[in-house]
Amino acid sequence: MFKQAGAGYLPPAVTRFWSSNLKSLKTKLQAIRRPGYFRDLICENRPEIAGALAGTVGGAYLGSQAFNNSLPPVRALPEIQQSPYIELQQSQYSR
């Protein structure tokens, strides 16, 4: 089946897609290599980084506490009194 489709043939749309993505990746990698990239990245995104750290640290702490059974477990769920069947009442206005 591969031989019938032509070995090594790629549609032009696929080649354009990969070439544009590889060019974008190349420019991003070049930007990472320049000096001061990470310092600038951190300075520009301080609120996002602080929020991510607060959520991660808080979630890890609460998860650890729950895992160690430091938080009280739910002893029992509230009980609802109901019959397992629905009873139909006879209407006084029957047809």
PDB file of N, CA and C in Angstrom:
ATOM      1  N   MET A   1       0.822  -1.182   0.000  1.00  0.00           N
ATOM      2  CA  MET A   1       0.000   0.000   0.000  1.00  0.00           C
ATOM      3  C   MET A   1       0.871   1.253   0.000  1.00  0.00           C
ATOM      4  N   PHE A   2       1.983   1.201   0.721  1.00  0.00           N
ATOM      5  CA  PHE A   2       2.867   2.357   0.765  1.00  0.00           C
ATOM      6  C   PHE A   2       3.499   2.595  -0.608  1.00  0.00           C
ATOM      7  N   LYS A   3       3.823   1.513  -1.298  1.00  0.00           N
ATOM      8  CA  LYS A   3       4.417   1.653  -2.628  1.00  0.00           C
ATOM      9  C   LYS A   3       3.408   2.235  -3.608  1.00  0.00           C
ATOM     10  N   GLN A   4       2.136   1.879  -3.437  1.00  0.00           N
ATOM     11  CA  GLN A   4       1.114   2.397  -4.335  1.00  0.00           C
ATOM     12  C   GLN A   4       0.943   3.899  -4.155  1.00  0.00           C
ATOM     13  N   ALA A   5       1.051   4.379  -2.932  1.00  0.00           N
ATOM     14  CA  ALA A   5       0.881   5.803  -2.674  1.00  0.00           C
ATOM     15  C   ALA A   5       2.106   6.594  -3.096  1.00  0.00           C
ATOM     16  N   GLY A   6       3.187   5.928  -3.369  1.00  0.00           N
ATOM     17  CA  GLY A   6       4.414   6.623  -3.758  1.00  0.00           C
ATOM     18  C   GLY A   6       5.303   6.810  -2.555  1.00  0.00           C
ATOM     19  N   ALA A   7       6.412   6.114  -2.513  1.00  0.00           N
ATOM     20  CA  ALA A   7       7.308   6.171  -1.357  1.00  0.00           C
ATOM     21  C   ALA A   7       7.908   7.569  -1.242  1.00  0.00           C
ATOM     22  N   GLY A   8       7.780   8.149  -0.064  1.00  0.00           N
ATOM     23  CA  GLY A   8       8.396   9.433   0.188  1.00  0.00           C
ATOM     24  C   GLY A   8       7.576  10.630  -0.250  1.00  0.00           C
ATOM     25  N   TYR A   9       6.402  10.453  -0.760  1.00  0.00           N
ATOM     26  CA  TYR A   9       5.589  11.584  -1.196  1.00  0.00           C
ATOM     27  C   TYR A   9       4.817  12.157  -0.015  1.00  0.00           C
ATOM     28  N   LEU A  10       4.908  13.465   0.164  1.00  0.00           N
ATOM     29  CA  LEU A  10       4.123  14.166   1.171  1.00  0.00           C
ATOM     30  C   LEU A  10       3.337  15.275   0.485  1.00  0.00           C
ATOM     31  N   PRO A  11       2.102  15.442   0.840  1.00  0.00           N
ATOM     32  CA  PRO A  11       1.328  16.535   0.247  1.00  0.00           C
ATOM     33  C   PRO A  11       1.942  17.888   0.601  1.00  0.00           C
ATOM     34  N   PRO A  12       1.783  18.873  -0.263  1.00  0.00           N
ATOM     35  CA  PRO A  12       2.383  20.189  -0.003  1.00  0.00           C
ATOM     36  C   PRO A  12       1.903  20.835   1.296  1.00  0.00           C
ATOM     37  N   ALA A  13       0.652  20.593   1.686  1.00  0.00           N
ATOM     38  CA  ALA A  13       0.136  21.181   2.925  1.00  0.00           C
ATOM     39  C   ALA A  13       0.896  20.639   4.132  1.00  0.00           C
ATOM     40  N   VAL A  14       1.237  19.372   4.103  1.00  0.00           N
ATOM     41  CA  VAL A  14       1.972  18.767   5.216  1.00  0.00           C
ATOM     42  C   VAL A  14       3.385  19.336   5.281  1.00  0.00           C
ATOM     43  N   THR A  15       4.033  19.472   4.144  1.00  0.00           N
ATOM     44  CA  THR A  15       5.394  20.017   4.150  1.00  0.00           C
ATOM     45  C   THR A  15       5.408  21.468   4.605  1.00  0.00           C
ATOM     46  N   ARG A  16       4.415  22.264   4.208  1.00  0.00           N
ATOM     47  CA  ARG A  16       4.338  23.651   4.672  1.00  0.00           C
ATOM     48  C   ARG A  16       4.100  23.703   6.173  1.00  0.00           C
ATOM     49  N   PHE A  17       3.236  22.817   6.676  1.00  0.00           N
ATOM     50  CA  PHE A  17       2.947  22.764   8.108  1.00  0.00           C
ATOM     51  C   PHE A  17       4.216  22.485   8.906  1.00  0.00           C
ATOM     52  N   TRP A  18       4.957  21.449   8.510  1.00  0.00           N
ATOM     53  CA  TRP A  18       6.164  21.088   9.250  1.00  0.00           C
ATOM     54  C   TRP A  18       7.251  22.143   9.110  1.00  0.00           C
ATOM     55  N   SER A  19       7.398  22.719   7.930  1.00  0.00           N
ATOM     56  CA  SER A  19       8.464  23.714   7.768  1.00  0.00           C
ATOM     57  C   SER A  19       8.173  24.959   8.593  1.00  0.00           C
ATOM     58  N   SER A  20       6.918  25.403   8.640  1.00  0.00           N
ATOM     59  CA  SER A  20       6.604  26.589   9.440  1.00  0.00           C
ATOM     60  C   SER A  20       6.760  26.299  10.932  1.00  0.00           C
ATOM     61  N   ASN A  21       6.374  25.110  11.364  1.00  0.00           N
ATOM     62  CA  ASN A  21       6.538  24.758  12.772  1.00  0.00           C
ATOM     63  C   ASN A  21       8.006  24.633  13.156  1.00  0.00           C
ATOM     64  N   LEU A  22       8.817  24.090  12.278  1.00  0.00           N
ATOM     65  CA  LEU A  22      10.241  23.960  12.574  1.00  0.00           C
ATOM     66  C   LEU A  22      10.919  25.327  12.605  1.00  0.00           C
ATOM     67  N   LYS A  23      10.493  26.240  11.732  1.00  0.00           N
ATOM     68  CA  LYS A  23      11.041  27.600  11.764  1.00  0.00           C
ATOM     69  C   LYS A  23      10.680  28.290  13.078  1.00  0.00           C
ATOM     70  N   SER A  24       9.450  28.122  13.501  1.00  0.00           N
ATOM     71  CA  SER A  24       9.014  28.719  14.770  1.00  0.00           C
ATOM     72  C   SER A  24       9.793  28.133  15.944  1.00  0.00           C
ATOM     73  N   LEU A  25       9.992  26.840  15.929  1.00  0.00           N
ATOM     74  CA  LEU A  25      10.765  26.190  16.989  1.00  0.00           C
ATOM     75  C   LEU A  25      12.204  26.689  17.000  1.00  0.00           C
ATOM     76  N   LYS A  26      12.781  26.866  15.816  1.00  0.00           N
ATOM     77  CA  LYS A  26      14.159  27.342  15.715  1.00  0.00           C
ATOM     78  C   LYS A  26      14.294  28.748  16.295  1.00  0.00           C
ATOM     79  N   THR A  27      13.349  29.636  15.995  1.00  0.00           N
ATOM     80  CA  THR A  27      13.438  31.005  16.534  1.00  0.00           C
ATOM     81  C   THR A  27      13.238  31.014  18.049  1.00  0.00           C
ATOM     82  N   LYS A  28      12.367  30.161  18.566  1.00  0.00           N
ATOM     83  CA  LYS A  28      12.176  30.096  20.016  1.00  0.00           C
ATOM     84  C   LYS A  28      13.412  29.563  20.725  1.00  0.00           C
ATOM     85  N   LEU A  29      14.057  28.552  20.136  1.00  0.00           N
ATOM     86  CA  LEU A  29      15.289  28.017  20.727  1.00  0.00           C
ATOM     87  C   LEU A  29      16.412  29.049  20.688  1.00  0.00           C
ATOM     88  N   GLN A  30      16.475  29.839  19.625  1.00  0.00           N
ATOM     89  CA  GLN A  30      17.479  30.892  19.556  1.00  0.00           C
ATOM     90  C   GLN A  30      17.216  31.960  20.615  1.00  0.00           C
ATOM     91  N   ALA A  31      15.943  32.272  20.872  1.00  0.00           N
ATOM     92  CA  ALA A  31      15.606  33.265  21.891  1.00  0.00           C
ATOM     93  C   ALA A  31      15.989  32.765  23.279  1.00  0.00           C
ATOM     94  N   ILE A  32      15.836  31.470  23.527  1.00  0.00           N
ATOM     95  CA  ILE A  32      16.195  30.911  24.833  1.00  0.00           C
ATOM     96  C   ILE A  32      17.699  30.997  25.059  1.00  0.00           C
ATOM     97  N   ARG A  33      18.481  30.873  23.991  1.00  0.00           N
ATOM     98  CA  ARG A  33      19.939  30.879  24.125  1.00  0.00           C
ATOM     99  C   ARG A  33      20.507  32.267  24.422  1.00  0.00           C
ATOM    100  N   ARG A  34      19.758  33.324  24.144  1.00  0.00           N
ATOM    101  CA  ARG A  34      20.323  34.661  24.364  1.00  0.00           C
ATOM    102  C   ARG A  34      20.400  34.939  25.864  1.00  0.00           C
ATOM    103  N   PRO A  35      21.406  35.730  26.275  1.00  0.00           N
ATOM    104  CA  PRO A  35      21.587  35.996  27.703  1.00  0.00           C
ATOM    105  C   PRO A  35      20.436  36.816  28.275  1.00  0.00           C
ATOM    106  N   GLY A  36      20.044  36.480  29.479  1.00  0.00           N
ATOM    107  CA  GLY A  36      18.995  37.210  30.172  1.00  0.00           C
ATOM    108  C   GLY A  36      17.586  36.802  29.807  1.00  0.00           C
ATOM    109  N   TYR A  37      17.427  35.744  29.037  1.00  0.00           N
ATOM    110  CA  TYR A  37      16.083  35.329  28.601  1.00  0.00           C
ATOM    111  C   TYR A  37      15.228  34.916  29.792  1.00  0.00           C
ATOM    112  N   PHE A  38      15.765  34.087  30.664  1.00  0.00           N
ATOM    113  CA  PHE A  38      14.980  33.588  31.797  1.00  0.00           C
ATOM    114  C   PHE A  38      14.701  34.684  32.819  1.00  0.00           C
ATOM    115  N   ARG A  39      15.668  35.595  33.010  1.00  0.00           N
ATOM    116  CA  ARG A  39      15.453  36.717  33.915  1.00  0.00           C
ATOM    117  C   ARG A  39      14.297  37.594  33.410  1.00  0.00           C
ATOM    118  N   ASP A  40      14.290  37.878  32.117  1.00  0.00           N
ATOM    119  CA  ASP A  40      13.209  38.678  31.538  1.00  0.00           C
ATOM    120  C   ASP A  40      11.873  37.939  31.609  1.00  0.00           C
ATOM    121  N   LEU A  41      11.916  36.645  31.385  1.00  0.00           N
ATOM    122  CA  LEU A  41      10.696  35.838  31.435  1.00  0.00           C
ATOM    123  C   LEU A  41      10.088  35.858  32.827  1.00  0.00           C
ATOM    124  N   ILE A  42      10.922  35.746  33.841  1.00  0.00           N
ATOM    125  CA  ILE A  42      10.435  35.758  35.226  1.00  0.00           C
ATOM    126  C   ILE A  42       9.911  37.140  35.595  1.00  0.00           C
ATOM    127  N   CYS A  43      10.611  38.194  35.168  1.00  0.00           N
ATOM    128  CA  CYS A  43      10.175  39.555  35.497  1.00  0.00           C
ATOM    129  C   CYS A  43       8.829  39.892  34.845  1.00  0.00           C
ATOM    130  N   GLU A  44       8.608  39.389  33.647  1.00  0.00           N
ATOM    131  CA  GLU A  44       7.355  39.686  32.941  1.00  0.00           C
ATOM    132  C   GLU A  44       6.176  38.894  33.495  1.00  0.00           C
ATOM    133  N   ASN A  45       6.419  37.747  34.076  1.00  0.00           N
ATOM    134  CA  ASN A  45       5.342  36.847  34.480  1.00  0.00           C
ATOM    135  C   ASN A  45       5.325  36.587  35.979  1.00  0.00           C
ATOM    136  N   ARG A  46       5.634  37.560  36.786  1.00  0.00           N
ATOM    137  CA  ARG A  46       5.674  37.356  38.236  1.00  0.00           C
ATOM    138  C   ARG A  46       4.336  36.942  38.836  1.00  0.00           C
ATOM    139  N   PRO A  47       3.207  37.583  38.498  1.00  0.00           N
ATOM    140  CA  PRO A  47       1.937  37.157  39.114  1.00  0.00           C
ATOM    141  C   PRO A  47       1.557  35.725  38.755  1.00  0.00           C
ATOM    142  N   GLU A  48       1.804  35.342  37.509  1.00  0.00           N
ATOM    143  CA  GLU A  48       1.466  33.978  37.098  1.00  0.00           C
ATOM    144  C   GLU A  48       2.332  32.951  37.818  1.00  0.00           C
ATOM    145  N   ILE A  49       3.601  33.262  37.968  1.00  0.00           N
ATOM    146  CA  ILE A  49       4.515  32.334  38.643  1.00  0.00           C
ATOM    147  C   ILE A  49       4.161  32.230  40.128  1.00  0.00           C
ATOM    148  N   ALA A  50       3.844  33.373  40.745  1.00  0.00           N
ATOM    149  CA  ALA A  50       3.469  33.351  42.161  1.00  0.00           C
ATOM    150  C   ALA A  50       2.177  32.561  42.372  1.00  0.00           C
ATOM    151  N   GLY A  51       1.204  32.722  41.501  1.00  0.00           N
ATOM    152  CA  GLY A  51      -0.045  31.968  41.613  1.00  0.00           C
ATOM    153  C   GLY A  51       0.167  30.473  41.427  1.00  0.00           C
ATOM    154  N   ALA A  52       1.017  30.122  40.475  1.00  0.00           N
ATOM    155  CA  ALA A  52       1.297  28.702  40.255  1.00  0.00           C
ATOM    156  C   ALA A  52       2.006  28.086  41.461  1.00  0.00           C
ATOM    157  N   LEU A  53       2.949  28.822  42.033  1.00  0.00           N
ATOM    158  CA  LEU A  53       3.650  28.311  43.215  1.00  0.00           C
ATOM    159  C   LEU A  53       2.715  28.179  44.410  1.00  0.00           C
ATOM    160  N   ALA A  54       1.847  29.185  44.606  1.00  0.00           N
ATOM    161  CA  ALA A  54       0.919  29.120  45.740  1.00  0.00           C
ATOM    162  C   ALA A  54      -0.033  27.940  45.593  1.00  0.00           C
ATOM    163  N   GLY A  55      -0.535  27.718  44.404  1.00  0.00           N
ATOM    164  CA  GLY A  55      -1.444  26.597  44.189  1.00  0.00           C
ATOM    165  C   GLY A  55      -0.761  25.257  44.340  1.00  0.00           C
ATOM    166  N   THR A  56       0.457  25.156  43.841  1.00  0.00           N
ATOM    167  CA  THR A  56       1.190  23.893  43.918  1.00  0.00           C
ATOM    168  C   THR A  56       1.583  23.566  45.351  1.00  0.00           C
ATOM    169  N   VAL A  57       2.124  24.559  46.054  1.00  0.00           N
ATOM    170  CA  VAL A  57       2.561  24.311  47.433  1.00  0.00           C
ATOM    171  C   VAL A  57       1.360  24.041  48.334  1.00  0.00           C
ATOM    172  N   GLY A  58       0.296  24.825  48.187  1.00  0.00           N
ATOM    173  CA  GLY A  58      -0.903  24.596  49.003  1.00  0.00           C
ATOM    174  C   GLY A  58      -1.547  23.255  48.722  1.00  0.00           C
ATOM    175  N   GLY A  59      -1.632  22.892  47.453  1.00  0.00           N
ATOM    176  CA  GLY A  59      -2.208  21.593  47.103  1.00  0.00           C
ATOM    177  C   GLY A  59      -1.369  20.438  47.589  1.00  0.00           C
ATOM    178  N   ALA A  60      -0.053  20.573  47.506  1.00  0.00           N
ATOM    179  CA  ALA A  60       0.827  19.512  47.998  1.00  0.00           C
ATOM    180  C   ALA A  60       0.694  19.361  49.514  1.00  0.00           C
ATOM    181  N   TYR A  61       0.587  20.494  50.225  1.00  0.00           N
ATOM    182  CA  TYR A  61       0.442  20.434  51.680  1.00  0.00           C
ATOM    183  C   TYR A  61      -0.873  19.761  52.064  1.00  0.00           C
ATOM    184  N   LEU A  62      -1.978  20.201  51.460  1.00  0.00           N
ATOM    185  CA  LEU A  62      -3.274  19.612  51.805  1.00  0.00           C
ATOM    186  C   LEU A  62      -3.351  18.142  51.396  1.00  0.00           C
ATOM    187  N   GLY A  63      -2.747  17.804  50.265  1.00  0.00           N
ATOM    188  CA  GLY A  63      -2.723  16.402  49.853  1.00  0.00           C
ATOM    189  C   GLY A  63      -1.930  15.545  50.809  1.00  0.00           C
ATOM    190  N   SER A  64      -0.824  16.076  51.302  1.00  0.00           N
ATOM    191  CA  SER A  64      -0.022  15.338  52.276  1.00  0.00           C
ATOM    192  C   SER A  64      -0.783  15.161  53.582  1.00  0.00           C
ATOM    193  N   GLN A  65      -1.464  16.210  54.021  1.00  0.00           N
ATOM    194  CA  GLN A  65      -2.246  16.107  55.260  1.00  0.00           C
ATOM    195  C   GLN A  65      -3.371  15.085  55.122  1.00  0.00           C
ATOM    196  N   ALA A  66      -4.042  15.090  53.989  1.00  0.00           N
ATOM    197  CA  ALA A  66      -5.122  14.131  53.788  1.00  0.00           C
ATOM    198  C   ALA A  66      -4.575  12.708  53.704  1.00  0.00           C
ATOM    199  N   PHE A  67      -3.423  12.564  53.057  1.00  0.00           N
ATOM    200  CA  PHE A  67      -2.830  11.231  52.937  1.00  0.00           C
ATOM    201  C   PHE A  67      -2.422  10.690  54.299  1.00  0.00           C
ATOM    202  N   ASN A  68      -1.933  11.546  55.153  1.00  0.00           N
ATOM    203  CA  ASN A  68      -1.509  11.118  56.483  1.00  0.00           C
ATOM    204  C   ASN A  68      -2.675  11.042  57.473  1.00  0.00           C
ATOM    205  N   ASN A  69      -3.881  11.192  57.011  1.00  0.00           N
ATOM    206  CA  ASN A  69      -5.094  11.148  57.832  1.00  0.00           C
ATOM    207  C   ASN A  69      -5.094  12.212  58.916  1.00  0.00           C
ATOM    208  N   SER A  70      -4.480  13.336  58.646  1.00  0.00           N
ATOM    209  CA  SER A  70      -4.503  14.425  59.606  1.00  0.00           C
ATOM    210  C   SER A  70      -5.839  15.148  59.578  1.00  0.00           C
ATOM    211  N   LEU A  71      -6.509  15.106  58.456  1.00  0.00           N
ATOM    212  CA  LEU A  71      -7.829  15.707  58.348  1.00  0.00           C
ATOM    213  C   LEU A  71      -8.857  14.658  58.740  1.00  0.00           C
ATOM    214  N   PRO A  72      -9.863  15.025  59.474  1.00  0.00           N
ATOM    215  CA  PRO A  72     -10.840  14.012  59.889  1.00  0.00           C
ATOM    216  C   PRO A  72     -11.607  13.463  58.680  1.00  0.00           C
ATOM    217  N   PRO A  73     -11.773  12.156  58.617  1.00  0.00           N
ATOM    218  CA  PRO A  73     -12.505  11.574  57.498  1.00  0.00           C
ATOM    219  C   PRO A  73     -14.009  11.765  57.672  1.00  0.00           C
ATOM    220  N   VAL A  74     -14.729  11.565  56.617  1.00  0.00           N
ATOM    221  CA  VAL A  74     -16.186  11.615  56.693  1.00  0.00           C
ATOM    222  C   VAL A  74     -16.640  10.307  57.310  1.00  0.00           C
ATOM    223  N   ARG A  75     -17.265  10.405  58.454  1.00  0.00           N
ATOM    224  CA  ARG A  75     -17.662   9.189  59.181  1.00  0.00           C
ATOM    225  C   ARG A  75     -18.856   8.506  58.526  1.00  0.00           C
ATOM    226  N   ALA A  76     -19.879   9.272  58.216  1.00  0.00           N
ATOM    227  CA  ALA A  76     -21.070   8.684  57.607  1.00  0.00           C
ATOM    228  C   ALA A  76     -21.791   9.757  56.807  1.00  0.00           C
ATOM    229  N   LEU A  77     -22.410   9.325  55.770  1.00  0.00           N
ATOM    230  CA  LEU A  77     -23.200  10.248  54.972  1.00  0.00           C
ATOM    231  C   LEU A  77     -24.576  10.391  55.601  1.00  0.00           C
ATOM    232  N   PRO A  78     -25.206  11.509  55.404  1.00  0.00           N
ATOM    233  CA  PRO A  78     -26.550  11.658  55.960  1.00  0.00           C
ATOM    234  C   PRO A  78     -27.520  10.663  55.323  1.00  0.00           C
ATOM    235  N   GLU A  79     -28.410  10.154  56.136  1.00  0.00           N
ATOM    236  CA  GLU A  79     -29.377   9.167  55.635  1.00  0.00           C
ATOM    237  C   GLU A  79     -30.655   9.870  55.226  1.00  0.00           C
ATOM    238  N   ILE A  80     -31.184   9.440  54.120  1.00  0.00           N
ATOM    239  CA  ILE A  80     -32.457   9.973  53.638  1.00  0.00           C
ATOM    240  C   ILE A  80     -33.481   8.852  53.743  1.00  0.00           C
ATOM    241  N   GLN A  81     -34.549   9.123  54.448  1.00  0.00           N
ATOM    242  CA  GLN A  81     -35.593   8.122  54.616  1.00  0.00           C
ATOM    243  C   GLN A  81     -36.532   8.179  53.424  1.00  0.00           C
ATOM    244  N   GLN A  82     -36.481   7.155  52.605  1.00  0.00           N
ATOM    245  CA  GLN A  82     -37.418   7.080  51.491  1.00  0.00           C
ATOM    246  C   GLN A  82     -37.608   5.622  51.126  1.00  0.00           C
ATOM    247  N   SER A  83     -38.737   5.342  50.577  1.00  0.00           N
ATOM    248  CA  SER A  83     -39.026   3.964  50.194  1.00  0.00           C
ATOM    249  C   SER A  83     -38.395   3.699  48.831  1.00  0.00           C
ATOM    250  N   PRO A  84     -38.075   2.453  48.572  1.00  0.00           N
ATOM    251  CA  PRO A  84     -37.428   2.145  47.299  1.00  0.00           C
ATOM    252  C   PRO A  84     -38.376   2.218  46.104  1.00  0.00           C
ATOM    253  N   TYR A  85     -39.688   2.284  46.355  1.00  0.00           N
ATOM    254  CA  TYR A  85     -40.655   2.313  45.263  1.00  0.00           C
ATOM    255  C   TYR A  85     -41.457   3.598  45.318  1.00  0.00           C
ATOM    256  N   ILE A  86     -41.873   4.030  44.171  1.00  0.00           N
ATOM    257  CA  ILE A  86     -42.746   5.200  44.101  1.00  0.00           C
ATOM    258  C   ILE A  86     -44.183   4.689  44.108  1.00  0.00           C
ATOM    259  N   GLU A  87     -44.951   5.148  45.062  1.00  0.00           N
ATOM    260  CA  GLU A  87     -46.337   4.707  45.155  1.00  0.00           C
ATOM    261  C   GLU A  87     -47.230   5.757  44.511  1.00  0.00           C
ATOM    262  N   LEU A  88     -48.067   5.304  43.597  1.00  0.00           N
ATOM    263  CA  LEU A  88     -48.996   6.217  42.947  1.00  0.00           C
ATOM    264  C   LEU A  88     -50.264   6.302  43.763  1.00  0.00           C
ATOM    265  N   GLN A  89     -50.705   7.505  43.973  1.00  0.00           N
ATOM    266  CA  GLN A  89     -51.957   7.675  44.711  1.00  0.00           C
ATOM    267  C   GLN A  89     -53.104   7.733  43.708  1.00  0.00           C
ATOM    268  N   GLN A  90     -54.209   7.120  44.100  1.00  0.00           N
ATOM    269  CA  GLN A  90     -55.397   7.164  43.250  1.00  0.00           C
ATOM    270  C   GLN A  90     -56.017   8.554  43.353  1.00  0.00           C
ATOM    271  N   SER A  91     -56.237   9.134  42.228  1.00  0.00           N
ATOM    272  CA  SER A  91     -56.846  10.439  42.200  1.00  0.00           C
ATOM    273  C   SER A  91     -58.365  10.305  42.353  1.00  0.00           C
ATOM    274  N   GLN A  92     -58.952  11.276  42.999  1.00  0.00           N
ATOM    275  CA  GLN A  92     -60.414  11.215  43.132  1.00  0.00           C
ATOM    276  C   GLN A  92     -61.089  11.567  41.823  1.00  0.00           C
ATOM    277  N   TYR A  93     -60.316  12.153  40.927  1.00  0.00           N
ATOM    278  CA  TYR A  93     -60.860  12.477  39.591  1.00  0.00           C
ATOM    279  C   TYR A  93     -60.356  11.454  38.606  1.00  0.00           C
ATOM    280  N   SER A  94     -60.909  10.285  38.598  1.00  0.00           N
ATOM    281  CA  SER A  94     -60.470   9.237  37.681  1.00  0.00           C
ATOM    282  C   SER A  94     -61.288   9.331  36.411  1.00  0.00           C
ATOM    283  N   ARG A  95     -60.758   8.881  35.362  1.00  0.00           N
ATOM    284  CA  ARG A  95     -61.449   8.954  34.065  1.00  0.00           C
ATOM    285  C   ARG A  95     -62.184   7.702  33.777  1.00  0.00           C
TER     286      ARG A  95
END
